[in-house]
């Protein structure tokens, strides 16, 4: 890897995002963390943090890409974790939930991929976060599942577009992730059945590495015991 090459992780302030970049730093990567939040919610100096970025704004994301290019940065990897979730019944919930989920999940991923693709090295790896719910939407999961299905299809098409440039694009699709919010929402569940953020992080590290060089255009489901 070029000494100036980095892995950029969006959603760096989230539970999963923080574990992913901590794992990557431990494995020797230089990590650029991106988030809408202005600052990290915890003390850590192991990540090059670029806060206050609205990933739904194409202009804002492109500005960061231009800044990184001016700094001489290139990317060996891009991990798009930023997104959102809403549980809401389709017939009773507001229709704008669907556009909000589309913005938070599809457009953040699209804007990131479009802006940062010119910085990707050859070879490089892009990882987008889908959801197992995209396979079959349950009660209250329509808007979320539809948006994550959009991320998966976006990723498939992008893999074909970047294939000739030595860039692989894969998706990680977890079931329920073991986070404090999910524990609070489902206190009677068996948390050991869920997917740990560390398991997502290790899978992301594998998909970034040369060991996964034959894996491209795949939707890798990580289900735990759900």
C-alpha atoms as a PDB file:
ATOM      1  CA  UNK A   1       0.000   0.000   0.000  1.00  0.00           C
ATOM      2  CA  UNK A   2       1.165   3.504  -0.821  1.00  0.00           C
ATOM      3  CA  UNK A   3       2.288   5.283   2.354  1.00  0.00           C
ATOM      4  CA  UNK A   4      -0.268   8.000   1.632  1.00  0.00           C
ATOM      5  CA  UNK A   5      -3.058   5.498   0.934  1.00  0.00           C
ATOM      6  CA  UNK A   6      -5.897   5.336   3.406  1.00  0.00           C
ATOM      7  CA  UNK A   7      -9.159   3.577   4.068  1.00  0.00           C
ATOM      8  CA  UNK A   8     -12.072   5.984   4.370  1.00  0.00           C
ATOM      9  CA  UNK A   9     -14.896   4.948   6.703  1.00  0.00           C
ATOM     10  CA  UNK A  10     -18.199   6.826   6.714  1.00  0.00           C
ATOM     11  CA  UNK A  11     -20.391   6.779   9.804  1.00  0.00           C
ATOM     12  CA  UNK A  12     -17.265   6.795  11.954  1.00  0.00           C
ATOM     13  CA  UNK A  13     -19.063   8.019  15.080  1.00  0.00           C
ATOM     14  CA  UNK A  14     -21.575   5.180  15.076  1.00  0.00           C
ATOM     15  CA  UNK A  15     -21.278   1.963  17.062  1.00  0.00           C
ATOM     16  CA  UNK A  16     -20.332  -0.140  14.032  1.00  0.00           C
ATOM     17  CA  UNK A  17     -18.254   2.570  12.379  1.00  0.00           C
ATOM     18  CA  UNK A  18     -16.098   3.103  15.456  1.00  0.00           C
ATOM     19  CA  UNK A  19     -15.397  -0.623  15.821  1.00  0.00           C
ATOM     20  CA  UNK A  20     -14.565  -0.912  12.129  1.00  0.00           C
ATOM     21  CA  UNK A  21     -11.981   1.850  12.133  1.00  0.00           C
ATOM     22  CA  UNK A  22     -10.493   0.721  15.442  1.00  0.00           C
ATOM     23  CA  UNK A  23     -10.081  -2.749  13.924  1.00  0.00           C
ATOM     24  CA  UNK A  24      -8.520  -1.367  10.756  1.00  0.00           C
ATOM     25  CA  UNK A  25      -6.096   0.850  12.688  1.00  0.00           C
ATOM     26  CA  UNK A  26      -5.060  -2.172  14.731  1.00  0.00           C
ATOM     27  CA  UNK A  27      -4.354  -4.005  11.479  1.00  0.00           C
ATOM     28  CA  UNK A  28      -2.065  -1.217  10.282  1.00  0.00           C
ATOM     29  CA  UNK A  29      -4.331   0.895   8.074  1.00  0.00           C
ATOM     30  CA  UNK A  30      -4.407   4.668   8.071  1.00  0.00           C
ATOM     31  CA  UNK A  31      -8.097   5.438   8.540  1.00  0.00           C
ATOM     32  CA  UNK A  32      -9.969   8.578   7.551  1.00  0.00           C
ATOM     33  CA  UNK A  33     -13.195   8.723   9.541  1.00  0.00           C
ATOM     34  CA  UNK A  34     -16.150  10.693   8.198  1.00  0.00           C
ATOM     35  CA  UNK A  35     -19.386  11.538   9.988  1.00  0.00           C
ATOM     36  CA  UNK A  36     -22.170  14.107  10.190  1.00  0.00           C
ATOM     37  CA  UNK A  37     -21.168  14.720  13.813  1.00  0.00           C
ATOM     38  CA  UNK A  38     -18.647  17.514  14.350  1.00  0.00           C
ATOM     39  CA  UNK A  39     -16.490  15.527  16.752  1.00  0.00           C
ATOM     40  CA  UNK A  40     -15.937  11.999  17.954  1.00  0.00           C
ATOM     41  CA  UNK A  41     -18.072  11.078  20.981  1.00  0.00           C
ATOM     42  CA  UNK A  42     -15.012   9.544  22.644  1.00  0.00           C
ATOM     43  CA  UNK A  43     -11.316  10.325  22.904  1.00  0.00           C
ATOM     44  CA  UNK A  44      -9.195   8.695  20.247  1.00  0.00           C
ATOM     45  CA  UNK A  45      -6.305   9.929  18.163  1.00  0.00           C
ATOM     46  CA  UNK A  46      -5.909   6.850  15.964  1.00  0.00           C
ATOM     47  CA  UNK A  47      -8.239   8.121  13.240  1.00  0.00           C
ATOM     48  CA  UNK A  48      -7.942  11.054  10.860  1.00  0.00           C
ATOM     49  CA  UNK A  49     -11.407  12.451  11.610  1.00  0.00           C
ATOM     50  CA  UNK A  50     -13.290  14.658   9.145  1.00  0.00           C
ATOM     51  CA  UNK A  51     -16.515  15.642  10.902  1.00  0.00           C
ATOM     52  CA  UNK A  52     -19.539  17.741  10.056  1.00  0.00           C
ATOM     53  CA  UNK A  53     -20.005  16.148   6.637  1.00  0.00           C
ATOM     54  CA  UNK A  54     -23.547  15.747   5.330  1.00  0.00           C
ATOM     55  CA  UNK A  55     -23.254  12.731   3.063  1.00  0.00           C
ATOM     56  CA  UNK A  56     -26.649  13.457   1.514  1.00  0.00           C
ATOM     57  CA  UNK A  57     -25.082  16.588  -0.006  1.00  0.00           C
ATOM     58  CA  UNK A  58     -23.250  15.772  -3.227  1.00  0.00           C
ATOM     59  CA  UNK A  59     -21.460  19.123  -3.107  1.00  0.00           C
ATOM     60  CA  UNK A  60     -20.210  18.645   0.462  1.00  0.00           C
ATOM     61  CA  UNK A  61     -18.866  15.160  -0.253  1.00  0.00           C
ATOM     62  CA  UNK A  62     -17.146  16.338  -3.420  1.00  0.00           C
ATOM     63  CA  UNK A  63     -15.501  19.164  -1.470  1.00  0.00           C
ATOM     64  CA  UNK A  64     -13.957  16.637   0.926  1.00  0.00           C
ATOM     65  CA  UNK A  65     -12.770  14.539  -2.006  1.00  0.00           C
ATOM     66  CA  UNK A  66     -11.098  17.608  -3.511  1.00  0.00           C
ATOM     67  CA  UNK A  67      -9.463  18.362  -0.157  1.00  0.00           C
ATOM     68  CA  UNK A  68      -8.083  14.840   0.158  1.00  0.00           C
ATOM     69  CA  UNK A  69      -6.756  14.984  -3.392  1.00  0.00           C
ATOM     70  CA  UNK A  70      -5.025  18.283  -2.626  1.00  0.00           C
ATOM     71  CA  UNK A  71      -3.444  16.623   0.413  1.00  0.00           C
ATOM     72  CA  UNK A  72      -2.038  13.893  -1.823  1.00  0.00           C
ATOM     73  CA  UNK A  73      -4.266  11.205  -0.366  1.00  0.00           C
ATOM     74  CA  UNK A  74      -5.273   8.077  -2.217  1.00  0.00           C
ATOM     75  CA  UNK A  75      -7.625   5.378  -1.017  1.00  0.00           C
ATOM     76  CA  UNK A  76      -6.910   1.686  -0.782  1.00  0.00           C
ATOM     77  CA  UNK A  77     -10.423   1.174   0.526  1.00  0.00           C
ATOM     78  CA  UNK A  78     -13.791   2.805   1.093  1.00  0.00           C
ATOM     79  CA  UNK A  79     -16.221   1.480   3.718  1.00  0.00           C
ATOM     80  CA  UNK A  80     -19.658   3.102   3.608  1.00  0.00           C
ATOM     81  CA  UNK A  81     -21.361   2.519   6.958  1.00  0.00           C
ATOM     82  CA  UNK A  82     -23.322   5.768   7.315  1.00  0.00           C
ATOM     83  CA  UNK A  83     -27.066   5.245   7.087  1.00  0.00           C
ATOM     84  CA  UNK A  84     -30.252   5.075   9.081  1.00  0.00           C
ATOM     85  CA  UNK A  85     -33.071   2.813  10.224  1.00  0.00           C
ATOM     86  CA  UNK A  86     -36.775   3.343  10.817  1.00  0.00           C
ATOM     87  CA  UNK A  87     -39.317   0.722  11.913  1.00  0.00           C
ATOM     88  CA  UNK A  88     -42.674   1.875  10.680  1.00  0.00           C
ATOM     89  CA  UNK A  89     -45.815   0.202   9.385  1.00  0.00           C
ATOM     90  CA  UNK A  90     -46.408   1.079   5.782  1.00  0.00           C
ATOM     91  CA  UNK A  91     -50.116   1.923   5.854  1.00  0.00           C
ATOM     92  CA  UNK A  92     -50.056   4.089   8.966  1.00  0.00           C
ATOM     93  CA  UNK A  93     -46.643   5.767   8.760  1.00  0.00           C
ATOM     94  CA  UNK A  94     -45.918   8.955   6.802  1.00  0.00           C
ATOM     95  CA  UNK A  95     -44.987   8.457   3.166  1.00  0.00           C
ATOM     96  CA  UNK A  96     -41.922  10.694   3.479  1.00  0.00           C
ATOM     97  CA  UNK A  97     -40.225   7.971   5.541  1.00  0.00           C
ATOM     98  CA  UNK A  98     -39.493   6.272   2.238  1.00  0.00           C
ATOM     99  CA  UNK A  99     -37.693   9.274   0.782  1.00  0.00           C
ATOM    100  CA  UNK A 100     -35.860   9.805   4.087  1.00  0.00           C
ATOM    101  CA  UNK A 101     -34.619   6.200   4.088  1.00  0.00           C
ATOM    102  CA  UNK A 102     -33.595   6.567   0.450  1.00  0.00           C
ATOM    103  CA  UNK A 103     -31.580   9.695   1.253  1.00  0.00           C
ATOM    104  CA  UNK A 104     -29.940   8.234   4.368  1.00  0.00           C
ATOM    105  CA  UNK A 105     -29.010   4.875   2.870  1.00  0.00           C
ATOM    106  CA  UNK A 106     -28.894   5.028  -0.927  1.00  0.00           C
ATOM    107  CA  UNK A 107     -27.845   8.626  -1.546  1.00  0.00           C
ATOM    108  CA  UNK A 108     -25.175   8.709   1.164  1.00  0.00           C
ATOM    109  CA  UNK A 109     -23.640   5.590  -0.385  1.00  0.00           C
ATOM    110  CA  UNK A 110     -23.964   6.889  -3.935  1.00  0.00           C
ATOM    111  CA  UNK A 111     -22.503  10.310  -3.125  1.00  0.00           C
ATOM    112  CA  UNK A 112     -19.582   8.728  -1.312  1.00  0.00           C
ATOM    113  CA  UNK A 113     -18.830   6.264  -4.100  1.00  0.00           C
ATOM    114  CA  UNK A 114     -19.074   8.928  -6.809  1.00  0.00           C
ATOM    115  CA  UNK A 115     -16.912  11.481  -5.012  1.00  0.00           C
ATOM    116  CA  UNK A 116     -14.210   9.156  -3.727  1.00  0.00           C
ATOM    117  CA  UNK A 117     -13.900   6.759  -6.674  1.00  0.00           C
ATOM    118  CA  UNK A 118     -11.262   8.960  -8.378  1.00  0.00           C
ATOM    119  CA  UNK A 119      -9.057   8.578  -5.289  1.00  0.00           C
ATOM    120  CA  UNK A 120      -9.155   4.782  -5.321  1.00  0.00           C
ATOM    121  CA  UNK A 121      -5.930   2.972  -6.095  1.00  0.00           C
ATOM    122  CA  UNK A 122      -5.510  -0.066  -8.302  1.00  0.00           C
ATOM    123  CA  UNK A 123      -6.193  -2.420  -6.609  1.00  0.00           C
ATOM    124  CA  UNK A 124      -8.726  -1.132  -4.106  1.00  0.00           C
ATOM    125  CA  UNK A 125     -11.848  -2.363  -2.336  1.00  0.00           C
ATOM    126  CA  UNK A 126     -15.211  -0.711  -1.722  1.00  0.00           C
ATOM    127  CA  UNK A 127     -17.539  -2.111   0.953  1.00  0.00           C
ATOM    128  CA  UNK A 128     -21.125  -0.938   1.308  1.00  0.00           C
ATOM    129  CA  UNK A 129     -23.493  -1.903   4.100  1.00  0.00           C
ATOM    130  CA  UNK A 130     -26.733  -3.556   3.067  1.00  0.00           C
ATOM    131  CA  UNK A 131     -29.110  -5.516   5.271  1.00  0.00           C
ATOM    132  CA  UNK A 132     -30.411  -9.063   5.422  1.00  0.00           C
ATOM    133  CA  UNK A 133     -33.885  -7.495   5.577  1.00  0.00           C
ATOM    134  CA  UNK A 134     -33.483  -6.604   1.908  1.00  0.00           C
ATOM    135  CA  UNK A 135     -34.011 -10.298   1.108  1.00  0.00           C
ATOM    136  CA  UNK A 136     -37.447 -10.349   2.742  1.00  0.00           C
ATOM    137  CA  UNK A 137     -38.978  -7.351   4.459  1.00  0.00           C
ATOM    138  CA  UNK A 138     -40.830  -8.070   7.699  1.00  0.00           C
ATOM    139  CA  UNK A 139     -43.508  -6.027   9.412  1.00  0.00           C
ATOM    140  CA  UNK A 140     -42.476  -2.370   9.675  1.00  0.00           C
ATOM    141  CA  UNK A 141     -39.357  -2.923   7.575  1.00  0.00           C
ATOM    142  CA  UNK A 142     -40.626  -1.831   4.155  1.00  0.00           C
ATOM    143  CA  UNK A 143     -38.915   1.542   3.757  1.00  0.00           C
ATOM    144  CA  UNK A 144     -35.665   0.388   5.348  1.00  0.00           C
ATOM    145  CA  UNK A 145     -35.508  -2.868   3.389  1.00  0.00           C
ATOM    146  CA  UNK A 146     -36.283  -1.112   0.113  1.00  0.00           C
ATOM    147  CA  UNK A 147     -33.496   1.408   0.664  1.00  0.00           C
ATOM    148  CA  UNK A 148     -30.989  -1.304   1.542  1.00  0.00           C
ATOM    149  CA  UNK A 149     -32.035  -3.257  -1.539  1.00  0.00           C
ATOM    150  CA  UNK A 150     -31.152  -0.088  -3.420  1.00  0.00           C
ATOM    151  CA  UNK A 151     -27.678  -0.102  -1.839  1.00  0.00           C
ATOM    152  CA  UNK A 152     -27.170  -3.711  -2.909  1.00  0.00           C
ATOM    153  CA  UNK A 153     -28.188  -3.060  -6.515  1.00  0.00           C
ATOM    154  CA  UNK A 154     -26.129   0.144  -6.617  1.00  0.00           C
ATOM    155  CA  UNK A 155     -23.131  -1.907  -5.487  1.00  0.00           C
ATOM    156  CA  UNK A 156     -23.646  -4.617  -8.090  1.00  0.00           C
ATOM    157  CA  UNK A 157     -23.750  -2.048 -10.880  1.00  0.00           C
ATOM    158  CA  UNK A 158     -20.798  -0.117  -9.491  1.00  0.00           C
ATOM    159  CA  UNK A 159     -18.714  -3.299  -9.340  1.00  0.00           C
ATOM    160  CA  UNK A 160     -19.256  -3.783 -13.061  1.00  0.00           C
ATOM    161  CA  UNK A 161     -18.377  -0.153 -13.740  1.00  0.00           C
ATOM    162  CA  UNK A 162     -15.122  -0.256 -11.768  1.00  0.00           C
ATOM    163  CA  UNK A 163     -14.040  -3.790 -12.593  1.00  0.00           C
ATOM    164  CA  UNK A 164     -11.617  -2.698 -15.309  1.00  0.00           C
ATOM    165  CA  UNK A 165      -9.953  -0.293 -12.865  1.00  0.00           C
ATOM    166  CA  UNK A 166      -8.977  -2.984 -10.380  1.00  0.00           C
ATOM    167  CA  UNK A 167     -11.597  -1.929  -7.830  1.00  0.00           C
ATOM    168  CA  UNK A 168     -13.778  -4.551  -6.149  1.00  0.00           C
ATOM    169  CA  UNK A 169     -17.194  -3.620  -4.736  1.00  0.00           C
ATOM    170  CA  UNK A 170     -18.886  -5.863  -2.190  1.00  0.00           C
ATOM    171  CA  UNK A 171     -21.758  -5.574   0.282  1.00  0.00           C
ATOM    172  CA  UNK A 172     -21.979  -6.716   3.892  1.00  0.00           C
ATOM    173  CA  UNK A 173     -25.579  -7.466   4.880  1.00  0.00           C
ATOM    174  CA  UNK A 174     -26.097  -8.157   8.593  1.00  0.00           C
ATOM    175  CA  UNK A 175     -29.222  -9.214  10.421  1.00  0.00           C
ATOM    176  CA  UNK A 176     -29.751  -7.609  13.859  1.00  0.00           C
ATOM    177  CA  UNK A 177     -26.579  -5.933  15.093  1.00  0.00           C
ATOM    178  CA  UNK A 178     -25.809  -6.016  18.818  1.00  0.00           C
ATOM    179  CA  UNK A 179     -25.976  -2.327  19.703  1.00  0.00           C
ATOM    180  CA  UNK A 180     -27.235  -0.538  22.832  1.00  0.00           C
ATOM    181  CA  UNK A 181     -30.205   0.819  20.862  1.00  0.00           C
ATOM    182  CA  UNK A 182     -31.270  -2.616  19.656  1.00  0.00           C
ATOM    183  CA  UNK A 183     -30.903  -4.051  23.153  1.00  0.00           C
ATOM    184  CA  UNK A 184     -33.112  -1.304  24.534  1.00  0.00           C
ATOM    185  CA  UNK A 185     -35.711  -1.838  21.800  1.00  0.00           C
ATOM    186  CA  UNK A 186     -35.725  -5.633  22.201  1.00  0.00           C
ATOM    187  CA  UNK A 187     -34.874  -6.290  25.874  1.00  0.00           C
ATOM    188  CA  UNK A 188     -36.254  -9.850  25.876  1.00  0.00           C
ATOM    189  CA  UNK A 189     -34.152 -11.032  22.932  1.00  0.00           C
ATOM    190  CA  UNK A 190     -31.138 -13.322  23.204  1.00  0.00           C
ATOM    191  CA  UNK A 191     -28.365 -10.877  22.367  1.00  0.00           C
ATOM    192  CA  UNK A 192     -25.887 -13.711  21.755  1.00  0.00           C
ATOM    193  CA  UNK A 193     -27.848 -14.559  18.593  1.00  0.00           C
ATOM    194  CA  UNK A 194     -27.135 -11.168  17.080  1.00  0.00           C
ATOM    195  CA  UNK A 195     -24.208  -9.991  14.968  1.00  0.00           C
ATOM    196  CA  UNK A 196     -21.483  -8.258  16.972  1.00  0.00           C
ATOM    197  CA  UNK A 197     -19.973  -5.053  15.534  1.00  0.00           C
ATOM    198  CA  UNK A 198     -16.563  -6.711  15.867  1.00  0.00           C
ATOM    199  CA  UNK A 199     -17.706  -9.487  13.521  1.00  0.00           C
ATOM    200  CA  UNK A 200     -18.710  -6.932  10.905  1.00  0.00           C
ATOM    201  CA  UNK A 201     -15.361  -5.200  11.379  1.00  0.00           C
ATOM    202  CA  UNK A 202     -13.379  -8.394  10.874  1.00  0.00           C
ATOM    203  CA  UNK A 203     -15.365  -9.198   7.731  1.00  0.00           C
ATOM    204  CA  UNK A 204     -14.733  -5.693   6.413  1.00  0.00           C
ATOM    205  CA  UNK A 205     -11.011  -6.081   7.095  1.00  0.00           C
ATOM    206  CA  UNK A 206     -11.016  -9.363   5.169  1.00  0.00           C
ATOM    207  CA  UNK A 207     -12.835  -7.826   2.194  1.00  0.00           C
ATOM    208  CA  UNK A 208     -10.311  -4.979   2.149  1.00  0.00           C
ATOM    209  CA  UNK A 209      -7.374  -7.365   2.128  1.00  0.00           C
ATOM    210  CA  UNK A 210      -5.641  -9.173  -0.720  1.00  0.00           C
ATOM    211  CA  UNK A 211      -6.939 -12.441   0.753  1.00  0.00           C
ATOM    212  CA  UNK A 212     -10.361 -11.613  -0.694  1.00  0.00           C
ATOM    213  CA  UNK A 213      -9.068 -10.606  -4.137  1.00  0.00           C
ATOM    214  CA  UNK A 214     -11.334 -13.169  -5.854  1.00  0.00           C
ATOM    215  CA  UNK A 215     -14.483 -11.833  -4.173  1.00  0.00           C
ATOM    216  CA  UNK A 216     -16.199  -9.058  -6.086  1.00  0.00           C
ATOM    217  CA  UNK A 217     -19.770  -7.993  -6.719  1.00  0.00           C
ATOM    218  CA  UNK A 218     -21.020 -10.118  -3.825  1.00  0.00           C
ATOM    219  CA  UNK A 219     -23.626  -9.539  -1.146  1.00  0.00           C
ATOM    220  CA  UNK A 220     -22.062 -11.203   1.891  1.00  0.00           C
ATOM    221  CA  UNK A 221     -24.719 -11.990   4.474  1.00  0.00           C
ATOM    222  CA  UNK A 222     -23.701 -12.131   8.121  1.00  0.00           C
ATOM    223  CA  UNK A 223     -26.582 -13.552  10.121  1.00  0.00           C
ATOM    224  CA  UNK A 224     -25.374 -14.685  13.538  1.00  0.00           C
ATOM    225  CA  UNK A 225     -28.059 -17.074  14.826  1.00  0.00           C
ATOM    226  CA  UNK A 226     -31.028 -14.988  13.697  1.00  0.00           C
END
